[in-house]
């Protein structure tokens, strides 16, 4: 990763942190896939338009470095108890 790419990814992480603080992002983070690192985010939005705006405004997308999103709906979620 170049220094310029690292700065973009820092802005990307800050963007998602802000979404988490607002309650839009439920969880997000990098995935250590041996075939190449990628990120996963689970969000709560009202509709597809909100989701498209959210991804379009991500600094990793607006920077033009070739980042893209794959958007898939989650049909159902099971949430476990918090461990103590």
C-alpha atoms as a PDB file:
ATOM      1  CA  UNK A   1       0.000   0.000   0.000  1.00  0.00           C
ATOM      2  CA  UNK A   2       1.381   3.410  -0.943  1.00  0.00           C
ATOM      3  CA  UNK A   3       1.346   6.384   1.416  1.00  0.00           C
ATOM      4  CA  UNK A   4      -1.464   7.947  -0.649  1.00  0.00           C
ATOM      5  CA  UNK A   5      -3.518   4.737  -0.439  1.00  0.00           C
ATOM      6  CA  UNK A   6      -2.903   4.534   3.311  1.00  0.00           C
ATOM      7  CA  UNK A   7      -4.285   8.067   3.752  1.00  0.00           C
ATOM      8  CA  UNK A   8      -7.353   7.159   1.711  1.00  0.00           C
ATOM      9  CA  UNK A   9      -7.925   4.048   3.796  1.00  0.00           C
ATOM     10  CA  UNK A  10      -7.574   6.089   6.997  1.00  0.00           C
ATOM     11  CA  UNK A  11     -10.274   8.448   5.685  1.00  0.00           C
ATOM     12  CA  UNK A  12     -12.370   5.407   4.744  1.00  0.00           C
ATOM     13  CA  UNK A  13     -12.078   4.012   8.303  1.00  0.00           C
ATOM     14  CA  UNK A  14     -12.942   7.407   9.815  1.00  0.00           C
ATOM     15  CA  UNK A  15     -15.994   7.638   7.539  1.00  0.00           C
ATOM     16  CA  UNK A  16     -17.215   4.232   8.714  1.00  0.00           C
ATOM     17  CA  UNK A  17     -16.436   5.087  12.349  1.00  0.00           C
ATOM     18  CA  UNK A  18     -18.702   8.125  12.036  1.00  0.00           C
ATOM     19  CA  UNK A  19     -21.439   5.935  10.521  1.00  0.00           C
ATOM     20  CA  UNK A  20     -21.066   3.569  13.496  1.00  0.00           C
ATOM     21  CA  UNK A  21     -21.302   6.428  15.979  1.00  0.00           C
ATOM     22  CA  UNK A  22     -24.531   7.597  14.296  1.00  0.00           C
ATOM     23  CA  UNK A  23     -25.939   4.060  14.451  1.00  0.00           C
ATOM     24  CA  UNK A  24     -26.023   3.582  10.679  1.00  0.00           C
ATOM     25  CA  UNK A  25     -23.158   1.081  10.607  1.00  0.00           C
ATOM     26  CA  UNK A  26     -23.852  -1.860  12.896  1.00  0.00           C
ATOM     27  CA  UNK A  27     -20.426  -3.419  12.404  1.00  0.00           C
ATOM     28  CA  UNK A  28     -17.571  -2.950   9.952  1.00  0.00           C
ATOM     29  CA  UNK A  29     -13.968  -3.954   9.463  1.00  0.00           C
ATOM     30  CA  UNK A  30     -11.368  -5.646   7.290  1.00  0.00           C
ATOM     31  CA  UNK A  31     -11.565  -9.359   6.514  1.00  0.00           C
ATOM     32  CA  UNK A  32      -8.273 -11.289   6.478  1.00  0.00           C
ATOM     33  CA  UNK A  33      -8.993 -13.332   3.363  1.00  0.00           C
ATOM     34  CA  UNK A  34      -5.872 -15.202   2.180  1.00  0.00           C
ATOM     35  CA  UNK A  35      -6.903 -14.355  -1.388  1.00  0.00           C
ATOM     36  CA  UNK A  36      -6.864 -10.617  -0.664  1.00  0.00           C
ATOM     37  CA  UNK A  37      -8.041  -8.349   2.132  1.00  0.00           C
ATOM     38  CA  UNK A  38     -11.486  -6.805   1.788  1.00  0.00           C
ATOM     39  CA  UNK A  39     -13.943  -5.146   4.136  1.00  0.00           C
ATOM     40  CA  UNK A  40     -17.371  -6.033   5.436  1.00  0.00           C
ATOM     41  CA  UNK A  41     -19.981  -3.619   6.695  1.00  0.00           C
ATOM     42  CA  UNK A  42     -23.468  -4.231   8.006  1.00  0.00           C
ATOM     43  CA  UNK A  43     -25.685  -1.165   7.962  1.00  0.00           C
ATOM     44  CA  UNK A  44     -29.203  -0.105   8.859  1.00  0.00           C
ATOM     45  CA  UNK A  45     -30.756   2.164   6.227  1.00  0.00           C
ATOM     46  CA  UNK A  46     -34.280   3.125   5.258  1.00  0.00           C
ATOM     47  CA  UNK A  47     -33.994   2.181   1.596  1.00  0.00           C
ATOM     48  CA  UNK A  48     -31.727   1.478  -1.366  1.00  0.00           C
ATOM     49  CA  UNK A  49     -31.326   5.200  -2.087  1.00  0.00           C
ATOM     50  CA  UNK A  50     -29.785   5.768   1.359  1.00  0.00           C
ATOM     51  CA  UNK A  51     -27.464   2.825   0.828  1.00  0.00           C
ATOM     52  CA  UNK A  52     -26.342   4.067  -2.585  1.00  0.00           C
ATOM     53  CA  UNK A  53     -25.585   7.516  -1.133  1.00  0.00           C
ATOM     54  CA  UNK A  54     -23.675   5.975   1.761  1.00  0.00           C
ATOM     55  CA  UNK A  55     -21.389   3.966  -0.516  1.00  0.00           C
ATOM     56  CA  UNK A  56     -21.020   6.735  -3.123  1.00  0.00           C
ATOM     57  CA  UNK A  57     -19.740   9.179  -0.483  1.00  0.00           C
ATOM     58  CA  UNK A  58     -17.108   6.829   0.956  1.00  0.00           C
ATOM     59  CA  UNK A  59     -13.632   8.391   0.564  1.00  0.00           C
ATOM     60  CA  UNK A  60     -12.319   5.059  -0.721  1.00  0.00           C
ATOM     61  CA  UNK A  61     -14.795   5.377  -3.605  1.00  0.00           C
ATOM     62  CA  UNK A  62     -14.564   9.124  -4.227  1.00  0.00           C
ATOM     63  CA  UNK A  63     -10.744   8.906  -4.342  1.00  0.00           C
ATOM     64  CA  UNK A  64     -10.874   6.964  -7.590  1.00  0.00           C
ATOM     65  CA  UNK A  65      -8.444   4.231  -6.477  1.00  0.00           C
ATOM     66  CA  UNK A  66     -10.757   1.536  -7.801  1.00  0.00           C
ATOM     67  CA  UNK A  67     -12.631   0.599  -4.643  1.00  0.00           C
ATOM     68  CA  UNK A  68     -16.071  -0.864  -5.186  1.00  0.00           C
ATOM     69  CA  UNK A  69     -18.941  -2.221  -3.164  1.00  0.00           C
ATOM     70  CA  UNK A  70     -20.972  -5.372  -3.532  1.00  0.00           C
ATOM     71  CA  UNK A  71     -24.328  -4.802  -1.877  1.00  0.00           C
ATOM     72  CA  UNK A  72     -26.323  -7.794  -0.733  1.00  0.00           C
ATOM     73  CA  UNK A  73     -29.436  -7.719   1.439  1.00  0.00           C
ATOM     74  CA  UNK A  74     -29.473  -9.698   4.656  1.00  0.00           C
ATOM     75  CA  UNK A  75     -32.791 -11.501   4.769  1.00  0.00           C
ATOM     76  CA  UNK A  76     -32.628 -12.316   8.459  1.00  0.00           C
ATOM     77  CA  UNK A  77     -30.199 -11.731  11.308  1.00  0.00           C
ATOM     78  CA  UNK A  78     -29.685 -13.658  14.510  1.00  0.00           C
ATOM     79  CA  UNK A  79     -28.014 -11.695  17.295  1.00  0.00           C
ATOM     80  CA  UNK A  80     -26.429 -13.583  20.160  1.00  0.00           C
ATOM     81  CA  UNK A  81     -26.109 -12.533  23.768  1.00  0.00           C
ATOM     82  CA  UNK A  82     -23.169 -10.386  24.772  1.00  0.00           C
ATOM     83  CA  UNK A  83     -20.483 -12.425  26.506  1.00  0.00           C
ATOM     84  CA  UNK A  84     -19.241 -11.259  29.871  1.00  0.00           C
END
